[in-house]
């Protein structure tokens, strides 16, 4: 396949930063926890740490405490686990 001469002459910008936010809103976080727990409950391929976090977050959801967990995680400067 011959490369496009226009694309071959283009240079990638060096001043672009891509940020990854694992959770953008509470609704997305809740959906991730509930659906994720259901999925991993049927899977044994994940590591123990991810399973433990999923279990903790799911129990918080069951107890109505997931909003508090989300607020605590969202206020941290580090990435959210999971």
N, C-alpha and C. Protein backbone atom coordinates (compact mmCIF):
# COMPACT_ATOMS: atom_id res chain seq x y z
N UNK A 1 0.85 -1.17 0.00
CA UNK A 1 0.00 0.00 0.00
C UNK A 1 0.90 1.24 0.00
N UNK A 2 0.62 2.17 -0.86
CA UNK A 2 1.38 3.42 -0.93
C UNK A 2 0.82 4.41 0.07
N UNK A 3 1.70 5.01 0.89
CA UNK A 3 1.19 6.00 1.85
C UNK A 3 0.75 7.27 1.13
N UNK A 4 -0.19 7.93 1.71
CA UNK A 4 -0.67 9.21 1.18
C UNK A 4 0.45 10.23 1.31
N UNK A 5 0.87 10.88 0.21
CA UNK A 5 1.97 11.85 0.30
C UNK A 5 1.67 13.00 1.25
N UNK A 6 0.42 13.41 1.32
CA UNK A 6 0.06 14.50 2.24
C UNK A 6 0.28 14.07 3.68
N UNK A 7 -0.21 12.87 4.02
CA UNK A 7 -0.05 12.37 5.39
C UNK A 7 1.41 12.11 5.72
N UNK A 8 2.17 11.67 4.75
CA UNK A 8 3.59 11.40 4.99
C UNK A 8 4.35 12.67 5.33
N UNK A 9 3.87 13.82 4.83
CA UNK A 9 4.56 15.08 5.09
C UNK A 9 4.09 15.76 6.38
N UNK A 10 3.04 15.26 6.97
CA UNK A 10 2.51 15.86 8.20
C UNK A 10 3.30 15.37 9.40
N UNK A 11 3.46 16.25 10.35
CA UNK A 11 4.12 15.89 11.60
C UNK A 11 3.10 15.94 12.72
N UNK A 12 3.22 15.02 13.63
CA UNK A 12 2.31 14.99 14.77
C UNK A 12 2.64 16.15 15.70
N UNK A 13 1.63 16.87 16.15
CA UNK A 13 1.88 17.96 17.08
C UNK A 13 2.48 17.42 18.38
N UNK A 14 3.36 18.19 18.98
CA UNK A 14 4.00 17.75 20.22
C UNK A 14 3.39 18.41 21.45
N UNK A 15 2.43 19.30 21.26
CA UNK A 15 1.87 20.03 22.39
C UNK A 15 0.46 19.54 22.76
N UNK A 16 0.14 18.31 22.44
CA UNK A 16 -1.18 17.76 22.76
C UNK A 16 -1.04 16.84 23.96
N UNK A 17 -1.91 17.04 24.94
CA UNK A 17 -1.96 16.15 26.10
C UNK A 17 -3.32 15.45 26.11
N UNK A 18 -3.28 14.19 26.40
CA UNK A 18 -4.51 13.41 26.50
C UNK A 18 -4.67 13.00 27.95
N UNK A 19 -5.78 13.37 28.53
CA UNK A 19 -6.07 13.02 29.92
C UNK A 19 -7.08 11.88 29.93
N UNK A 20 -6.87 10.96 30.85
CA UNK A 20 -7.80 9.84 31.00
C UNK A 20 -8.52 10.00 32.34
N UNK A 21 -9.82 10.07 32.26
CA UNK A 21 -10.65 10.15 33.46
C UNK A 21 -11.50 8.88 33.50
N UNK A 22 -11.16 7.94 34.38
CA UNK A 22 -11.90 6.69 34.40
C UNK A 22 -13.38 6.86 34.74
N UNK A 23 -13.73 7.94 35.40
CA UNK A 23 -15.12 8.20 35.77
C UNK A 23 -15.40 9.67 35.50
N UNK A 24 -16.49 9.96 34.81
CA UNK A 24 -16.81 11.34 34.48
C UNK A 24 -17.98 11.89 35.29
N UNK A 25 -18.89 11.04 35.68
CA UNK A 25 -20.04 11.50 36.46
C UNK A 25 -20.42 10.40 37.45
N UNK A 26 -21.24 10.78 38.42
CA UNK A 26 -21.69 9.77 39.39
C UNK A 26 -22.48 8.67 38.69
N UNK A 27 -23.33 9.05 37.75
CA UNK A 27 -24.16 8.06 37.05
C UNK A 27 -23.28 7.04 36.32
N UNK A 28 -22.21 7.49 35.69
CA UNK A 28 -21.31 6.57 35.01
C UNK A 28 -20.58 5.69 36.02
N UNK A 29 -20.18 6.28 37.15
CA UNK A 29 -19.50 5.52 38.19
C UNK A 29 -20.43 4.44 38.73
N UNK A 30 -21.67 4.80 39.02
CA UNK A 30 -22.63 3.82 39.54
C UNK A 30 -22.84 2.69 38.54
N UNK A 31 -23.04 3.04 37.27
CA UNK A 31 -23.24 2.03 36.23
C UNK A 31 -22.02 1.10 36.14
N UNK A 32 -20.83 1.69 36.21
CA UNK A 32 -19.59 0.90 36.15
C UNK A 32 -19.52 -0.08 37.31
N UNK A 33 -19.88 0.36 38.50
CA UNK A 33 -19.80 -0.50 39.69
C UNK A 33 -20.82 -1.62 39.61
N UNK A 34 -22.06 -1.31 39.28
CA UNK A 34 -23.12 -2.33 39.26
C UNK A 34 -22.88 -3.33 38.13
N UNK A 35 -22.65 -2.82 36.92
CA UNK A 35 -22.44 -3.73 35.79
C UNK A 35 -21.13 -4.50 35.94
N UNK A 36 -20.11 -3.81 36.43
CA UNK A 36 -18.82 -4.47 36.61
C UNK A 36 -18.89 -5.58 37.63
N UNK A 37 -19.60 -5.34 38.73
CA UNK A 37 -19.72 -6.38 39.76
C UNK A 37 -20.42 -7.60 39.19
N UNK A 38 -21.47 -7.36 38.46
CA UNK A 38 -22.21 -8.49 37.89
C UNK A 38 -21.34 -9.27 36.91
N UNK A 39 -20.51 -8.57 36.15
CA UNK A 39 -19.65 -9.24 35.18
C UNK A 39 -18.55 -10.03 35.87
N UNK A 40 -17.90 -9.42 36.85
CA UNK A 40 -16.78 -10.13 37.48
C UNK A 40 -17.24 -11.21 38.45
N UNK A 41 -18.47 -11.13 38.88
CA UNK A 41 -19.00 -12.19 39.74
C UNK A 41 -19.00 -13.52 38.99
N UNK A 42 -19.02 -13.45 37.66
CA UNK A 42 -19.03 -14.65 36.84
C UNK A 42 -17.65 -14.97 36.27
N UNK A 43 -16.65 -14.17 36.59
CA UNK A 43 -15.32 -14.35 36.01
C UNK A 43 -14.29 -14.57 37.10
N UNK A 44 -13.36 -15.44 36.86
CA UNK A 44 -12.29 -15.68 37.82
C UNK A 44 -10.94 -15.22 37.26
N UNK A 45 -10.95 -14.52 36.13
CA UNK A 45 -9.70 -14.12 35.49
C UNK A 45 -9.11 -12.84 36.05
N UNK A 46 -9.84 -12.05 36.78
CA UNK A 46 -9.32 -10.80 37.31
C UNK A 46 -8.48 -11.04 38.56
N UNK A 47 -7.56 -10.14 38.80
CA UNK A 47 -6.71 -10.24 39.98
C UNK A 47 -7.49 -9.99 41.25
N UNK A 48 -6.95 -10.42 42.35
CA UNK A 48 -7.63 -10.29 43.65
C UNK A 48 -7.91 -8.84 44.02
N UNK A 49 -7.00 -7.91 43.68
CA UNK A 49 -7.19 -6.50 44.05
C UNK A 49 -8.43 -5.92 43.36
N UNK A 50 -8.57 -6.18 42.07
CA UNK A 50 -9.74 -5.66 41.36
C UNK A 50 -11.02 -6.28 41.88
N UNK A 51 -10.98 -7.55 42.19
CA UNK A 51 -12.17 -8.19 42.74
C UNK A 51 -12.53 -7.59 44.09
N UNK A 52 -11.51 -7.32 44.91
CA UNK A 52 -11.76 -6.76 46.24
C UNK A 52 -12.36 -5.36 46.13
N UNK A 53 -11.80 -4.53 45.24
CA UNK A 53 -12.35 -3.17 45.06
C UNK A 53 -13.77 -3.22 44.53
N UNK A 54 -14.02 -4.10 43.58
CA UNK A 54 -15.37 -4.21 43.03
C UNK A 54 -16.36 -4.63 44.11
N UNK A 55 -15.94 -5.55 44.95
CA UNK A 55 -16.81 -6.01 46.04
C UNK A 55 -17.11 -4.88 47.02
N UNK A 56 -16.08 -4.12 47.38
CA UNK A 56 -16.25 -3.00 48.31
C UNK A 56 -17.19 -1.95 47.72
N UNK A 57 -16.97 -1.59 46.46
CA UNK A 57 -17.81 -0.57 45.82
C UNK A 57 -19.25 -1.08 45.66
N UNK A 58 -19.41 -2.34 45.32
CA UNK A 58 -20.76 -2.88 45.15
C UNK A 58 -21.50 -2.90 46.48
N UNK A 59 -20.81 -3.27 47.55
CA UNK A 59 -21.44 -3.26 48.87
C UNK A 59 -21.83 -1.84 49.27
N UNK A 60 -20.99 -0.87 48.92
CA UNK A 60 -21.33 0.53 49.19
C UNK A 60 -22.59 0.90 48.42
N UNK A 61 -22.72 0.45 47.18
CA UNK A 61 -23.91 0.73 46.37
C UNK A 61 -25.14 0.10 47.02
N UNK A 62 -25.00 -1.16 47.44
CA UNK A 62 -26.13 -1.85 48.08
C UNK A 62 -26.58 -1.13 49.35
N UNK A 63 -25.63 -0.53 50.07
CA UNK A 63 -25.93 0.15 51.34
C UNK A 63 -26.26 1.63 51.16
N UNK A 64 -26.35 2.08 49.91
CA UNK A 64 -26.68 3.48 49.66
C UNK A 64 -25.53 4.44 49.93
N UNK A 65 -24.30 3.92 49.99
CA UNK A 65 -23.15 4.75 50.32
C UNK A 65 -22.24 5.04 49.12
N UNK A 66 -22.64 4.60 47.93
CA UNK A 66 -21.80 4.82 46.76
C UNK A 66 -21.58 6.30 46.46
N UNK A 67 -22.57 7.19 46.67
CA UNK A 67 -22.29 8.62 46.43
C UNK A 67 -21.14 9.14 47.30
N UNK A 68 -21.05 8.69 48.54
CA UNK A 68 -19.96 9.13 49.41
C UNK A 68 -18.62 8.58 48.92
N UNK A 69 -18.61 7.34 48.48
CA UNK A 69 -17.38 6.73 47.94
C UNK A 69 -16.94 7.51 46.71
N UNK A 70 -17.89 7.83 45.84
CA UNK A 70 -17.58 8.58 44.62
C UNK A 70 -17.00 9.95 44.97
N UNK A 71 -17.61 10.66 45.89
CA UNK A 71 -17.12 11.99 46.27
C UNK A 71 -15.70 11.91 46.81
N UNK A 72 -15.43 10.90 47.61
CA UNK A 72 -14.09 10.74 48.16
C UNK A 72 -13.08 10.47 47.05
N UNK A 73 -13.42 9.57 46.14
CA UNK A 73 -12.51 9.25 45.04
C UNK A 73 -12.34 10.41 44.07
N UNK A 74 -13.42 11.09 43.76
CA UNK A 74 -13.37 12.21 42.81
C UNK A 74 -12.58 13.38 43.35
N UNK A 75 -12.49 13.51 44.66
CA UNK A 75 -11.76 14.65 45.25
C UNK A 75 -10.27 14.39 45.32
N UNK A 76 -9.83 13.16 45.08
CA UNK A 76 -8.40 12.84 45.10
C UNK A 76 -7.74 13.35 43.82
N UNK A 77 -6.48 13.64 43.92
CA UNK A 77 -5.73 14.09 42.74
C UNK A 77 -5.21 12.91 41.94
N UNK A 78 -5.15 11.73 42.54
CA UNK A 78 -4.67 10.55 41.82
C UNK A 78 -5.81 9.93 41.04
N UNK A 79 -5.48 8.98 40.17
CA UNK A 79 -6.49 8.30 39.37
C UNK A 79 -7.37 7.42 40.23
N UNK A 80 -8.57 7.24 39.78
CA UNK A 80 -9.47 6.31 40.46
C UNK A 80 -9.03 4.89 40.17
N UNK A 81 -9.12 3.99 41.11
CA UNK A 81 -8.77 2.60 40.85
C UNK A 81 -9.86 1.95 40.00
N UNK A 82 -9.51 0.90 39.31
CA UNK A 82 -10.47 0.11 38.59
C UNK A 82 -10.76 0.46 37.22
